[in-house]
Structures are given as structure tokens and as C-alpha cells.
């Protein structure tokens, strides 16, 4: 790892992320719009802090919509009647450390420190 990567993160991960994003942006309508809508949702919902897991998820998302476009599968046949449930189920299938995991651990530590020697 170079000194710049220590400051900014892995350049290879950034390259892969941009490549997958371009794949989604290049999809024909309505698949590109659906893929980018899910991508945006994942940036808020997913909360993954592990770059490799996030890259795997984004690559799989691009694969999903490329395959749907190639097959002509209707968007609703992919996401069903509840796109939020579909997106969250999709995201939850990827393991990794999420931002909320770090905050949960921080809260537990803070409560342990605040309680000091109090019985649980």
C-alpha cells in the first residue's frame, strides 16, 4: 500500500467501485434507473464499512441489472411490489461490518464506563 492509499483508501477499490457504477449507468432504461435507485438507497441504508464487501455487493447489483436487461425481465419481476423490502433483503445478504455495528459497540462501552462498578 502506498502512502496515498493510507490517506485515501485503496485505489484498486475505488477503481472497481467506479467501474461497477459505470456499468449500472450504462444500462438501458428502465434498468439503469432501477440500478441507480438501488445504489443510492444502499449508500444510505447499507452502511457497510468493509470495502471488499461493499464492492462485492455493488458488483452483484450491476450483474443483477445487466442480466435483467439482457433477458428483458421486467423491473417489477425483479423487485416485486415492495422495492424497499427487496433492497434491504439484498443488502442484508452481504455480511460485513456495518456502521451501526461500530455505534452499537461504542454505546455498550459508554454505558459500561458510565455504570462503573454498578451491578448489571
PDB file of N, CA and C in Angstrom:
ATOM      1  N   UNK A   1       0.851  -1.170   0.000  1.00  0.00           N
ATOM      2  CA  UNK A   1       0.000   0.000   0.000  1.00  0.00           C
ATOM      3  C   UNK A   1       0.899   1.236   0.000  1.00  0.00           C
ATOM      4  N   UNK A   2       0.583   2.159  -0.886  1.00  0.00           N
ATOM      5  CA  UNK A   2       1.362   3.387  -0.961  1.00  0.00           C
ATOM      6  C   UNK A   2       0.918   4.365   0.107  1.00  0.00           C
ATOM      7  N   UNK A   3       1.704   5.405   0.303  1.00  0.00           N
ATOM      8  CA  UNK A   3       1.363   6.396   1.329  1.00  0.00           C
ATOM      9  C   UNK A   3       0.041   7.082   1.013  1.00  0.00           C
ATOM     10  N   UNK A   4      -0.251   7.304  -0.273  1.00  0.00           N
ATOM     11  CA  UNK A   4      -1.504   7.973  -0.641  1.00  0.00           C
ATOM     12  C   UNK A   4      -2.698   7.079  -0.332  1.00  0.00           C
ATOM     13  N   UNK A   5      -2.535   5.767  -0.518  1.00  0.00           N
ATOM     14  CA  UNK A   5      -3.621   4.838  -0.211  1.00  0.00           C
ATOM     15  C   UNK A   5      -3.900   4.796   1.285  1.00  0.00           C
ATOM     16  N   UNK A   6      -2.874   4.998   2.094  1.00  0.00           N
ATOM     17  CA  UNK A   6      -3.087   5.048   3.534  1.00  0.00           C
ATOM     18  C   UNK A   6      -3.963   6.234   3.911  1.00  0.00           C
ATOM     19  N   UNK A   7      -3.846   7.309   3.155  1.00  0.00           N
ATOM     20  CA  UNK A   7      -4.651   8.506   3.421  1.00  0.00           C
ATOM     21  C   UNK A   7      -6.042   8.429   2.810  1.00  0.00           C
ATOM     22  N   UNK A   8      -6.133   7.905   1.602  1.00  0.00           N
ATOM     23  CA  UNK A   8      -7.395   7.967   0.858  1.00  0.00           C
ATOM     24  C   UNK A   8      -8.124   6.643   0.738  1.00  0.00           C
ATOM     25  N   UNK A   9      -7.490   5.550   1.106  1.00  0.00           N
ATOM     26  CA  UNK A   9      -8.085   4.236   0.917  1.00  0.00           C
ATOM     27  C   UNK A   9      -7.513   3.582  -0.337  1.00  0.00           C
ATOM     28  N   UNK A  10      -7.900   2.356  -0.555  1.00  0.00           N
ATOM     29  CA  UNK A  10      -7.373   1.564  -1.664  1.00  0.00           C
ATOM     30  C   UNK A  10      -7.768   2.144  -3.016  1.00  0.00           C
ATOM     31  N   UNK A  11      -6.764   2.400  -3.836  1.00  0.00           N
ATOM     32  CA  UNK A  11      -7.033   2.891  -5.187  1.00  0.00           C
ATOM     33  C   UNK A  11      -7.698   1.811  -6.036  1.00  0.00           C
ATOM     34  N   UNK A  12      -7.333   0.563  -5.798  1.00  0.00           N
ATOM     35  CA  UNK A  12      -7.951  -0.549  -6.528  1.00  0.00           C
ATOM     36  C   UNK A  12      -9.437  -0.639  -6.199  1.00  0.00           C
ATOM     37  N   UNK A  13      -9.803  -0.465  -4.931  1.00  0.00           N
ATOM     38  CA  UNK A  13     -11.214  -0.495  -4.555  1.00  0.00           C
ATOM     39  C   UNK A  13     -11.973   0.651  -5.223  1.00  0.00           C
ATOM     40  N   UNK A  14     -11.389   1.813  -5.251  1.00  0.00           N
ATOM     41  CA  UNK A  14     -12.042   2.955  -5.905  1.00  0.00           C
ATOM     42  C   UNK A  14     -12.232   2.692  -7.393  1.00  0.00           C
ATOM     43  N   UNK A  15     -11.234   2.099  -8.023  1.00  0.00           N
ATOM     44  CA  UNK A  15     -11.327   1.786  -9.447  1.00  0.00           C
ATOM     45  C   UNK A  15     -12.471   0.812  -9.707  1.00  0.00           C
ATOM     46  N   UNK A  16     -12.543  -0.248  -8.886  1.00  0.00           N
ATOM     47  CA  UNK A  16     -13.614  -1.244  -9.047  1.00  0.00           C
ATOM     48  C   UNK A  16     -14.988  -0.629  -8.807  1.00  0.00           C
ATOM     49  N   UNK A  17     -15.098   0.203  -7.782  1.00  0.00           N
ATOM     50  CA  UNK A  17     -16.375   0.852  -7.477  1.00  0.00           C
ATOM     51  C   UNK A  17     -16.832   1.711  -8.656  1.00  0.00           C
ATOM     52  N   UNK A  18     -15.934   2.509  -9.196  1.00  0.00           N
ATOM     53  CA  UNK A  18     -16.280   3.370 -10.334  1.00  0.00           C
ATOM     54  C   UNK A  18     -16.654   2.547 -11.558  1.00  0.00           C
ATOM     55  N   UNK A  19     -15.953   1.442 -11.748  1.00  0.00           N
ATOM     56  CA  UNK A  19     -16.247   0.562 -12.882  1.00  0.00           C
ATOM     57  C   UNK A  19     -17.663  -0.009 -12.758  1.00  0.00           C
ATOM     58  N   UNK A  20     -18.018  -0.498 -11.573  1.00  0.00           N
ATOM     59  CA  UNK A  20     -19.364  -1.055 -11.375  1.00  0.00           C
ATOM     60  C   UNK A  20     -20.437   0.023 -11.506  1.00  0.00           C
ATOM     61  N   UNK A  21     -20.156   1.204 -11.010  1.00  0.00           N
ATOM     62  CA  UNK A  21     -21.113   2.304 -11.136  1.00  0.00           C
ATOM     63  C   UNK A  21     -21.322   2.658 -12.612  1.00  0.00           C
ATOM     64  N   UNK A  22     -20.248   2.702 -13.384  1.00  0.00           N
ATOM     65  CA  UNK A  22     -20.378   2.982 -14.821  1.00  0.00           C
ATOM     66  C   UNK A  22     -21.190   1.898 -15.522  1.00  0.00           C
ATOM     67  N   UNK A  23     -21.019   0.653 -15.101  1.00  0.00           N
ATOM     68  CA  UNK A  23     -21.807  -0.446 -15.677  1.00  0.00           C
ATOM     69  C   UNK A  23     -23.295  -0.194 -15.458  1.00  0.00           C
ATOM     70  N   UNK A  24     -23.653   0.232 -14.241  1.00  0.00           N
ATOM     71  CA  UNK A  24     -25.065   0.494 -13.937  1.00  0.00           C
ATOM     72  C   UNK A  24     -25.577   1.711 -14.708  1.00  0.00           C
ATOM     73  N   UNK A  25     -24.768   2.749 -14.787  1.00  0.00           N
ATOM     74  CA  UNK A  25     -25.170   3.966 -15.502  1.00  0.00           C
ATOM     75  C   UNK A  25     -25.363   3.703 -16.997  1.00  0.00           C
ATOM     76  N   UNK A  26     -24.659   2.718 -17.539  1.00  0.00           N
ATOM     77  CA  UNK A  26     -24.715   2.411 -18.971  1.00  0.00           C
ATOM     78  C   UNK A  26     -25.900   1.526 -19.345  1.00  0.00           C
ATOM     79  N   UNK A  27     -26.615   1.024 -18.369  1.00  0.00           N
ATOM     80  CA  UNK A  27     -27.745   0.141 -18.668  1.00  0.00           C
ATOM     81  C   UNK A  27     -28.859   0.904 -19.376  1.00  0.00           C
ATOM     82  N   UNK A  28     -29.580   0.221 -20.258  1.00  0.00           N
ATOM     83  CA  UNK A  28     -30.710   0.883 -20.917  1.00  0.00           C
ATOM     84  C   UNK A  28     -31.863   1.110 -19.928  1.00  0.00           C
ATOM     85  N   UNK A  29     -32.736   2.042 -20.295  1.00  0.00           N
ATOM     86  CA  UNK A  29     -33.936   2.285 -19.479  1.00  0.00           C
ATOM     87  C   UNK A  29     -34.826   1.049 -19.562  1.00  0.00           C
ATOM     88  N   UNK A  30     -35.472   0.687 -18.519  1.00  0.00           N
ATOM     89  CA  UNK A  30     -35.556   1.267 -17.185  1.00  0.00           C
ATOM     90  C   UNK A  30     -34.537   0.678 -16.205  1.00  0.00           C
ATOM     91  N   UNK A  31     -33.672  -0.215 -16.702  1.00  0.00           N
ATOM     92  CA  UNK A  31     -32.762  -0.943 -15.819  1.00  0.00           C
ATOM     93  C   UNK A  31     -31.716  -0.054 -15.169  1.00  0.00           C
ATOM     94  N   UNK A  32     -31.196   0.894 -15.929  1.00  0.00           N
ATOM     95  CA  UNK A  32     -30.225   1.821 -15.371  1.00  0.00           C
ATOM     96  C   UNK A  32     -30.823   2.644 -14.239  1.00  0.00           C
ATOM     97  N   UNK A  33     -32.044   3.113 -14.445  1.00  0.00           N
ATOM     98  CA  UNK A  33     -32.710   3.904 -13.397  1.00  0.00           C
ATOM     99  C   UNK A  33     -32.956   3.052 -12.160  1.00  0.00           C
ATOM    100  N   UNK A  34     -33.363   1.809 -12.347  1.00  0.00           N
ATOM    101  CA  UNK A  34     -33.612   0.917 -11.212  1.00  0.00           C
ATOM    102  C   UNK A  34     -32.314   0.613 -10.467  1.00  0.00           C
ATOM    103  N   UNK A  35     -31.258   0.325 -11.208  1.00  0.00           N
ATOM    104  CA  UNK A  35     -29.961   0.018 -10.592  1.00  0.00           C
ATOM    105  C   UNK A  35     -29.437   1.210  -9.813  1.00  0.00           C
ATOM    106  N   UNK A  36     -29.523   2.397 -10.399  1.00  0.00           N
ATOM    107  CA  UNK A  36     -29.012   3.589  -9.717  1.00  0.00           C
ATOM    108  C   UNK A  36     -29.874   3.968  -8.514  1.00  0.00           C
ATOM    109  N   UNK A  37     -31.160   3.693  -8.574  1.00  0.00           N
ATOM    110  CA  UNK A  37     -32.022   3.947  -7.416  1.00  0.00           C
ATOM    111  C   UNK A  37     -31.628   3.030  -6.264  1.00  0.00           C
ATOM    112  N   UNK A  38     -31.348   1.773  -6.566  1.00  0.00           N
ATOM    113  CA  UNK A  38     -30.904   0.854  -5.513  1.00  0.00           C
ATOM    114  C   UNK A  38     -29.530   1.266  -5.000  1.00  0.00           C
ATOM    115  N   UNK A  39     -28.652   1.658  -5.897  1.00  0.00           N
ATOM    116  CA  UNK A  39     -27.322   2.104  -5.498  1.00  0.00           C
ATOM    117  C   UNK A  39     -27.435   3.262  -4.510  1.00  0.00           C
ATOM    118  N   UNK A  40     -28.254   4.239  -4.829  1.00  0.00           N
ATOM    119  CA  UNK A  40     -28.434   5.388  -3.942  1.00  0.00           C
ATOM    120  C   UNK A  40     -28.983   4.936  -2.592  1.00  0.00           C
ATOM    121  N   UNK A  41     -29.952   4.057  -2.607  1.00  0.00           N
ATOM    122  CA  UNK A  41     -30.545   3.567  -1.364  1.00  0.00           C
ATOM    123  C   UNK A  41     -29.489   2.868  -0.506  1.00  0.00           C
ATOM    124  N   UNK A  42     -28.641   2.090  -1.143  1.00  0.00           N
ATOM    125  CA  UNK A  42     -27.595   1.381  -0.400  1.00  0.00           C
ATOM    126  C   UNK A  42     -26.598   2.332   0.241  1.00  0.00           C
ATOM    127  N   UNK A  43     -26.380   3.468  -0.358  1.00  0.00           N
ATOM    128  CA  UNK A  43     -25.461   4.436   0.238  1.00  0.00           C
ATOM    129  C   UNK A  43     -26.007   4.964   1.564  1.00  0.00           C
ATOM    130  N   UNK A  44     -27.323   4.969   1.708  1.00  0.00           N
ATOM    131  CA  UNK A  44     -27.948   5.401   2.965  1.00  0.00           C
ATOM    132  C   UNK A  44     -28.244   4.222   3.877  1.00  0.00           C
ATOM    133  N   UNK A  45     -28.781   3.155   3.309  1.00  0.00           N
ATOM    134  CA  UNK A  45     -29.219   2.025   4.116  1.00  0.00           C
ATOM    135  C   UNK A  45     -28.092   1.070   4.451  1.00  0.00           C
ATOM    136  N   UNK A  46     -27.288   0.717   3.459  1.00  0.00           N
ATOM    137  CA  UNK A  46     -26.304  -0.348   3.616  1.00  0.00           C
ATOM    138  C   UNK A  46     -25.349  -0.133   4.761  1.00  0.00           C
ATOM    139  N   UNK A  47     -24.740   1.027   4.824  1.00  0.00           N
ATOM    140  CA  UNK A  47     -23.848   1.354   5.916  1.00  0.00           C
ATOM    141  C   UNK A  47     -22.662   0.431   6.103  1.00  0.00           C
ATOM    142  N   UNK A  48     -22.257  -0.259   5.066  1.00  0.00           N
ATOM    143  CA  UNK A  48     -21.115  -1.157   5.186  1.00  0.00           C
ATOM    144  C   UNK A  48     -19.831  -0.363   5.325  1.00  0.00           C
ATOM    145  N   UNK A  49     -18.975  -0.800   6.221  1.00  0.00           N
ATOM    146  CA  UNK A  49     -17.683  -0.143   6.378  1.00  0.00           C
ATOM    147  C   UNK A  49     -16.555  -0.974   5.792  1.00  0.00           C
ATOM    148  N   UNK A  50     -16.845  -2.196   5.416  1.00  0.00           N
ATOM    149  CA  UNK A  50     -15.851  -3.086   4.819  1.00  0.00           C
ATOM    150  C   UNK A  50     -15.870  -2.899   3.310  1.00  0.00           C
ATOM    151  N   UNK A  51     -14.798  -2.340   2.776  1.00  0.00           N
ATOM    152  CA  UNK A  51     -14.735  -2.031   1.352  1.00  0.00           C
ATOM    153  C   UNK A  51     -14.910  -3.236   0.446  1.00  0.00           C
ATOM    154  N   UNK A  52     -14.311  -4.358   0.806  1.00  0.00           N
ATOM    155  CA  UNK A  52     -14.425  -5.548  -0.042  1.00  0.00           C
ATOM    156  C   UNK A  52     -15.865  -6.031  -0.124  1.00  0.00           C
ATOM    157  N   UNK A  53     -16.577  -5.999   0.996  1.00  0.00           N
ATOM    158  CA  UNK A  53     -17.977  -6.438   0.999  1.00  0.00           C
ATOM    159  C   UNK A  53     -18.828  -5.487   0.171  1.00  0.00           C
ATOM    160  N   UNK A  54     -18.595  -4.191   0.325  1.00  0.00           N
ATOM    161  CA  UNK A  54     -19.338  -3.202  -0.457  1.00  0.00           C
ATOM    162  C   UNK A  54     -19.086  -3.398  -1.947  1.00  0.00           C
ATOM    163  N   UNK A  55     -17.843  -3.649  -2.326  1.00  0.00           N
ATOM    164  CA  UNK A  55     -17.519  -3.863  -3.734  1.00  0.00           C
ATOM    165  C   UNK A  55     -18.197  -5.115  -4.282  1.00  0.00           C
ATOM    166  N   UNK A  56     -18.234  -6.164  -3.481  1.00  0.00           N
ATOM    167  CA  UNK A  56     -18.915  -7.384  -3.910  1.00  0.00           C
ATOM    168  C   UNK A  56     -20.394  -7.104  -4.135  1.00  0.00           C
ATOM    169  N   UNK A  57     -21.011  -6.380  -3.201  1.00  0.00           N
ATOM    170  CA  UNK A  57     -22.430  -6.062  -3.316  1.00  0.00           C
ATOM    171  C   UNK A  57     -22.696  -5.217  -4.557  1.00  0.00           C
ATOM    172  N   UNK A  58     -21.871  -4.210  -4.808  1.00  0.00           N
ATOM    173  CA  UNK A  58     -22.080  -3.343  -5.970  1.00  0.00           C
ATOM    174  C   UNK A  58     -21.862  -4.103  -7.281  1.00  0.00           C
ATOM    175  N   UNK A  59     -20.869  -4.986  -7.292  1.00  0.00           N
ATOM    176  CA  UNK A  59     -20.650  -5.812  -8.479  1.00  0.00           C
ATOM    177  C   UNK A  59     -21.826  -6.733  -8.740  1.00  0.00           C
ATOM    178  N   UNK A  60     -22.355  -7.331  -7.683  1.00  0.00           N
ATOM    179  CA  UNK A  60     -23.523  -8.206  -7.827  1.00  0.00           C
ATOM    180  C   UNK A  60     -24.759  -7.423  -8.259  1.00  0.00           C
ATOM    181  N   UNK A  61     -24.894  -6.196  -7.754  1.00  0.00           N
ATOM    182  CA  UNK A  61     -26.011  -5.354  -8.161  1.00  0.00           C
ATOM    183  C   UNK A  61     -25.929  -5.054  -9.660  1.00  0.00           C
ATOM    184  N   UNK A  62     -24.741  -4.698 -10.132  1.00  0.00           N
ATOM    185  CA  UNK A  62     -24.557  -4.450 -11.563  1.00  0.00           C
ATOM    186  C   UNK A  62     -24.849  -5.710 -12.374  1.00  0.00           C
ATOM    187  N   UNK A  63     -24.379  -6.866 -11.890  1.00  0.00           N
ATOM    188  CA  UNK A  63     -24.650  -8.140 -12.570  1.00  0.00           C
ATOM    189  C   UNK A  63     -26.148  -8.410 -12.655  1.00  0.00           C
ATOM    190  N   UNK A  64     -26.846  -8.189 -11.549  1.00  0.00           N
ATOM    191  CA  UNK A  64     -28.296  -8.437 -11.495  1.00  0.00           C
ATOM    192  C   UNK A  64     -29.024  -7.646 -12.576  1.00  0.00           C
ATOM    193  N   UNK A  65     -28.727  -6.349 -12.663  1.00  0.00           N
ATOM    194  CA  UNK A  65     -29.458  -5.499 -13.615  1.00  0.00           C
ATOM    195  C   UNK A  65     -28.975  -5.700 -15.041  1.00  0.00           C
ATOM    196  N   UNK A  66     -27.711  -6.057 -15.229  1.00  0.00           N
ATOM    197  CA  UNK A  66     -27.257  -6.386 -16.577  1.00  0.00           C
ATOM    198  C   UNK A  66     -27.961  -7.639 -17.093  1.00  0.00           C
ATOM    199  N   UNK A  67     -28.105  -8.636 -16.208  1.00  0.00           N
ATOM    200  CA  UNK A  67     -28.780  -9.873 -16.599  1.00  0.00           C
ATOM    201  C   UNK A  67     -30.253  -9.604 -16.890  1.00  0.00           C
ATOM    202  N   UNK A  68     -30.903  -8.794 -16.043  1.00  0.00           N
ATOM    203  CA  UNK A  68     -32.315  -8.460 -16.262  1.00  0.00           C
ATOM    204  C   UNK A  68     -32.490  -7.740 -17.601  1.00  0.00           C
ATOM    205  N   UNK A  69     -31.585  -6.814 -17.905  1.00  0.00           N
ATOM    206  CA  UNK A  69     -31.660  -6.080 -19.174  1.00  0.00           C
ATOM    207  C   UNK A  69     -31.452  -7.030 -20.352  1.00  0.00           C
ATOM    208  N   UNK A  70     -30.477  -7.927 -20.238  1.00  0.00           N
ATOM    209  CA  UNK A  70     -30.188  -8.872 -21.324  1.00  0.00           C
ATOM    210  C   UNK A  70     -31.364  -9.813 -21.571  1.00  0.00           C
ATOM    211  N   UNK A  71     -32.027 -10.210 -20.485  1.00  0.00           N
ATOM    212  CA  UNK A  71     -33.157 -11.135 -20.594  1.00  0.00           C
ATOM    213  C   UNK A  71     -34.481 -10.424 -20.865  1.00  0.00           C
ATOM    214  N   UNK A  72     -34.508  -9.093 -20.695  1.00  0.00           N
ATOM    215  CA  UNK A  72     -35.754  -8.351 -20.864  1.00  0.00           C
ATOM    216  C   UNK A  72     -36.726  -8.578 -19.712  1.00  0.00           C
ATOM    217  N   UNK A  73     -36.204  -8.925 -18.550  1.00  0.00           N
ATOM    218  CA  UNK A  73     -37.055  -9.172 -17.380  1.00  0.00           C
ATOM    219  C   UNK A  73     -37.610  -7.848 -16.869  1.00  0.00           C
ATOM    220  N   UNK A  74     -38.923  -7.753 -16.693  1.00  0.00           N
ATOM    221  CA  UNK A  74     -39.497  -6.512 -16.169  1.00  0.00           C
ATOM    222  C   UNK A  74     -38.954  -6.186 -14.768  1.00  0.00           C
ATOM    223  N   UNK A  75     -38.784  -4.896 -14.496  1.00  0.00           N
ATOM    224  CA  UNK A  75     -38.248  -4.443 -13.210  1.00  0.00           C
ATOM    225  C   UNK A  75     -39.050  -5.018 -12.047  1.00  0.00           C
ATOM    226  N   UNK A  76     -40.380  -4.968 -12.149  1.00  0.00           N
ATOM    227  CA  UNK A  76     -41.218  -5.477 -11.043  1.00  0.00           C
ATOM    228  C   UNK A  76     -41.065  -6.977 -10.847  1.00  0.00           C
ATOM    229  N   UNK A  77     -40.678  -7.708 -11.869  1.00  0.00           N
ATOM    230  CA  UNK A  77     -40.408  -9.134 -11.684  1.00  0.00           C
ATOM    231  C   UNK A  77     -39.154  -9.342 -10.842  1.00  0.00           C
ATOM    232  N   UNK A  78     -38.273  -8.363 -10.831  1.00  0.00           N
ATOM    233  CA  UNK A  78     -37.062  -8.435 -10.014  1.00  0.00           C
ATOM    234  C   UNK A  78     -37.354  -7.978  -8.589  1.00  0.00           C
ATOM    235  N   UNK A  79     -37.893  -6.773  -8.449  1.00  0.00           N
ATOM    236  CA  UNK A  79     -38.043  -6.174  -7.110  1.00  0.00           C
ATOM    237  C   UNK A  79     -39.373  -6.482  -6.441  1.00  0.00           C
ATOM    238  N   UNK A  80     -40.345  -6.981  -7.184  1.00  0.00           N
ATOM    239  CA  UNK A  80     -41.648  -7.273  -6.604  1.00  0.00           C
ATOM    240  C   UNK A  80     -42.430  -6.000  -6.314  1.00  0.00           C
ATOM    241  N   UNK A  81     -43.437  -6.125  -5.470  1.00  0.00           N
ATOM    242  CA  UNK A  81     -44.310  -4.979  -5.175  1.00  0.00           C
ATOM    243  C   UNK A  81     -43.725  -4.067  -4.105  1.00  0.00           C
ATOM    244  N   UNK A  82     -42.706  -4.548  -3.377  1.00  0.00           N
ATOM    245  CA  UNK A  82     -42.099  -3.742  -2.315  1.00  0.00           C
ATOM    246  C   UNK A  82     -40.595  -3.620  -2.572  1.00  0.00           C
ATOM    247  N   UNK A  83     -40.182  -2.577  -3.311  1.00  0.00           N
ATOM    248  CA  UNK A  83     -38.761  -2.441  -3.630  1.00  0.00           C
ATOM    249  C   UNK A  83     -37.882  -2.213  -2.408  1.00  0.00           C
ATOM    250  N   UNK A  84     -38.431  -1.626  -1.346  1.00  0.00           N
ATOM    251  CA  UNK A  84     -37.645  -1.420  -0.122  1.00  0.00           C
ATOM    252  C   UNK A  84     -37.303  -2.769   0.499  1.00  0.00           C
ATOM    253  N   UNK A  85     -38.287  -3.642   0.599  1.00  0.00           N
ATOM    254  CA  UNK A  85     -38.031  -4.979   1.155  1.00  0.00           C
ATOM    255  C   UNK A  85     -37.010  -5.729   0.304  1.00  0.00           C
ATOM    256  N   UNK A  86     -37.142  -5.639  -1.013  1.00  0.00           N
ATOM    257  CA  UNK A  86     -36.191  -6.306  -1.891  1.00  0.00           C
ATOM    258  C   UNK A  86     -34.780  -5.770  -1.667  1.00  0.00           C
ATOM    259  N   UNK A  87     -34.646  -4.443  -1.658  1.00  0.00           N
ATOM    260  CA  UNK A  87     -33.330  -3.827  -1.497  1.00  0.00           C
ATOM    261  C   UNK A  87     -32.707  -4.178  -0.154  1.00  0.00           C
ATOM    262  N   UNK A  88     -33.494  -4.138   0.906  1.00  0.00           N
ATOM    263  CA  UNK A  88     -32.956  -4.438   2.234  1.00  0.00           C
ATOM    264  C   UNK A  88     -32.594  -5.909   2.373  1.00  0.00           C
ATOM    265  N   UNK A  89     -33.377  -6.786   1.789  1.00  0.00           N
ATOM    266  CA  UNK A  89     -33.038  -8.210   1.805  1.00  0.00           C
ATOM    267  C   UNK A  89     -31.763  -8.452   1.004  1.00  0.00           C
ATOM    268  N   UNK A  90     -31.655  -7.791  -0.141  1.00  0.00           N
ATOM    269  CA  UNK A  90     -30.443  -7.896  -0.963  1.00  0.00           C
ATOM    270  C   UNK A  90     -29.229  -7.453  -0.157  1.00  0.00           C
ATOM    271  N   UNK A  91     -29.313  -6.292   0.483  1.00  0.00           N
ATOM    272  CA  UNK A  91     -28.182  -5.747   1.244  1.00  0.00           C
ATOM    273  C   UNK A  91     -27.840  -6.610   2.445  1.00  0.00           C
ATOM    274  N   UNK A  92     -28.839  -7.144   3.117  1.00  0.00           N
ATOM    275  CA  UNK A  92     -28.597  -7.941   4.322  1.00  0.00           C
ATOM    276  C   UNK A  92     -27.948  -9.279   4.015  1.00  0.00           C
ATOM    277  N   UNK A  93     -27.979  -9.686   2.752  1.00  0.00           N
ATOM    278  CA  UNK A  93     -27.343 -10.953   2.407  1.00  0.00           C
ATOM    279  C   UNK A  93     -25.822 -10.837   2.333  1.00  0.00           C
ATOM    280  N   UNK A  94     -25.312  -9.622   2.481  1.00  0.00           N
ATOM    281  CA  UNK A  94     -23.878  -9.389   2.457  1.00  0.00           C
ATOM    282  C   UNK A  94     -23.404  -9.162   3.892  1.00  0.00           C
ATOM    283  N   UNK A  95     -22.521 -10.028   4.317  1.00  0.00           N
ATOM    284  CA  UNK A  95     -22.002  -9.871   5.669  1.00  0.00           C
ATOM    285  C   UNK A  95     -20.861  -8.884   5.661  1.00  0.00           C
ATOM    286  N   UNK A  96     -20.587  -8.360   6.788  1.00  0.00           N
ATOM    287  CA  UNK A  96     -19.511  -7.396   6.917  1.00  0.00           C
ATOM    288  C   UNK A  96     -19.848  -6.451   8.047  1.00  0.00           C
ATOM    289  N   UNK A  97     -18.877  -5.668   8.421  1.00  0.00           N
ATOM    290  CA  UNK A  97     -19.092  -4.697   9.473  1.00  0.00           C
ATOM    291  C   UNK A  97     -19.857  -3.516   8.901  1.00  0.00           C
ATOM    292  N   UNK A  98     -20.934  -3.164   9.569  1.00  0.00           N
ATOM    293  CA  UNK A  98     -21.745  -2.030   9.163  1.00  0.00           C
ATOM    294  C   UNK A  98     -21.491  -0.899  10.146  1.00  0.00           C
ATOM    295  N   UNK A  99     -21.766   0.315   9.739  1.00  0.00           N
ATOM    296  CA  UNK A  99     -21.521   1.460  10.610  1.00  0.00           C
ATOM    297  C   UNK A  99     -22.281   1.331  11.916  1.00  0.00           C
ATOM    298  N   UNK A 100     -23.483   0.753  11.881  1.00  0.00           N
ATOM    299  CA  UNK A 100     -24.278   0.639  13.103  1.00  0.00           C
ATOM    300  C   UNK A 100     -23.631  -0.342  14.085  1.00  0.00           C
ATOM    301  N   UNK A 101     -22.899  -1.320  13.599  1.00  0.00           N
ATOM    302  CA  UNK A 101     -22.193  -2.249  14.489  1.00  0.00           C
ATOM    303  C   UNK A 101     -21.171  -1.493  15.333  1.00  0.00           C
ATOM    304  N   UNK A 102     -20.462  -0.569  14.708  1.00  0.00           N
ATOM    305  CA  UNK A 102     -19.482   0.229  15.444  1.00  0.00           C
ATOM    306  C   UNK A 102     -20.168   1.117  16.474  1.00  0.00           C
ATOM    307  N   UNK A 103     -21.303   1.683  16.096  1.00  0.00           N
ATOM    308  CA  UNK A 103     -22.026   2.553  17.033  1.00  0.00           C
ATOM    309  C   UNK A 103     -22.628   1.755  18.181  1.00  0.00           C
ATOM    310  N   UNK A 104     -23.084   0.540  17.906  1.00  0.00           N
ATOM    311  CA  UNK A 104     -23.603  -0.316  18.984  1.00  0.00           C
ATOM    312  C   UNK A 104     -22.498  -0.628  19.990  1.00  0.00           C
ATOM    313  N   UNK A 105     -21.322  -0.981  19.491  1.00  0.00           N
ATOM    314  CA  UNK A 105     -20.186  -1.268  20.369  1.00  0.00           C
ATOM    315  C   UNK A 105     -19.789  -0.027  21.163  1.00  0.00           C
ATOM    316  N   UNK A 106     -19.824   1.123  20.526  1.00  0.00           N
ATOM    317  CA  UNK A 106     -19.491   2.379  21.202  1.00  0.00           C
ATOM    318  C   UNK A 106     -20.499   2.660  22.322  1.00  0.00           C
ATOM    319  N   UNK A 107     -21.772   2.436  22.070  1.00  0.00           N
ATOM    320  CA  UNK A 107     -22.807   2.659  23.080  1.00  0.00           C
ATOM    321  C   UNK A 107     -22.621   1.716  24.265  1.00  0.00           C
ATOM    322  N   UNK A 108     -22.343   0.465  23.992  1.00  0.00           N
ATOM    323  CA  UNK A 108     -22.125  -0.510  25.069  1.00  0.00           C
ATOM    324  C   UNK A 108     -20.936  -0.098  25.921  1.00  0.00           C
ATOM    325  N   UNK A 109     -19.828   0.276  25.284  1.00  0.00           N
ATOM    326  CA  UNK A 109     -18.650   0.730  26.040  1.00  0.00           C
ATOM    327  C   UNK A 109     -18.969   1.960  26.886  1.00  0.00           C
ATOM    328  N   UNK A 110     -19.692   2.904  26.313  1.00  0.00           N
ATOM    329  CA  UNK A 110     -20.028   4.130  27.034  1.00  0.00           C
ATOM    330  C   UNK A 110     -20.898   3.824  28.251  1.00  0.00           C
ATOM    331  N   UNK A 111     -21.855   2.918  28.095  1.00  0.00           N
ATOM    332  CA  UNK A 111     -22.722   2.559  29.217  1.00  0.00           C
ATOM    333  C   UNK A 111     -21.944   1.792  30.288  1.00  0.00           C
ATOM    334  N   UNK A 112     -21.036   0.923  29.856  1.00  0.00           N
ATOM    335  CA  UNK A 112     -20.197   0.198  30.819  1.00  0.00           C
ATOM    336  C   UNK A 112     -19.334   1.175  31.614  1.00  0.00           C
ATOM    337  N   UNK A 113     -18.762   2.143  30.915  1.00  0.00           N
ATOM    338  CA  UNK A 113     -17.920   3.145  31.604  1.00  0.00           C
ATOM    339  C   UNK A 113     -18.765   4.020  32.526  1.00  0.00           C
ATOM    340  N   UNK A 114     -19.946   4.413  32.053  1.00  0.00           N
ATOM    341  CA  UNK A 114     -20.816   5.275  32.870  1.00  0.00           C
ATOM    342  C   UNK A 114     -21.301   4.538  34.102  1.00  0.00           C
ATOM    343  N   UNK A 115     -21.583   3.261  33.963  1.00  0.00           N
ATOM    344  CA  UNK A 115     -22.100   2.482  35.089  1.00  0.00           C
ATOM    345  C   UNK A 115     -21.003   2.152  36.080  1.00  0.00           C
ATOM    346  N   UNK A 116     -19.775   2.169  35.618  1.00  0.00           N
ATOM    347  CA  UNK A 116     -18.651   1.864  36.513  1.00  0.00           C
ATOM    348  C   UNK A 116     -18.825   0.515  37.182  1.00  0.00           C
ATOM    349  N   UNK A 117     -18.864   0.531  38.497  1.00  0.00           N
ATOM    350  CA  UNK A 117     -18.978  -0.712  39.244  1.00  0.00           C
ATOM    351  C   UNK A 117     -20.402  -1.104  39.586  1.00  0.00           C
ATOM    352  N   UNK A 118     -21.404  -0.410  39.011  1.00  0.00           N
ATOM    353  CA  UNK A 118     -22.788  -0.759  39.295  1.00  0.00           C
ATOM    354  C   UNK A 118     -23.083  -2.182  38.859  1.00  0.00           C
ATOM    355  N   UNK A 119     -23.934  -2.889  39.613  1.00  0.00           N
ATOM    356  CA  UNK A 119     -24.333  -4.223  39.172  1.00  0.00           C
ATOM    357  C   UNK A 119     -25.230  -4.126  37.939  1.00  0.00           C
ATOM    358  N   UNK A 120     -25.132  -5.121  37.101  1.00  0.00           N
ATOM    359  CA  UNK A 120     -25.923  -5.132  35.854  1.00  0.00           C
ATOM    360  C   UNK A 120     -27.368  -5.444  36.105  1.00  0.00           C
TER     361      UNK A 120
END
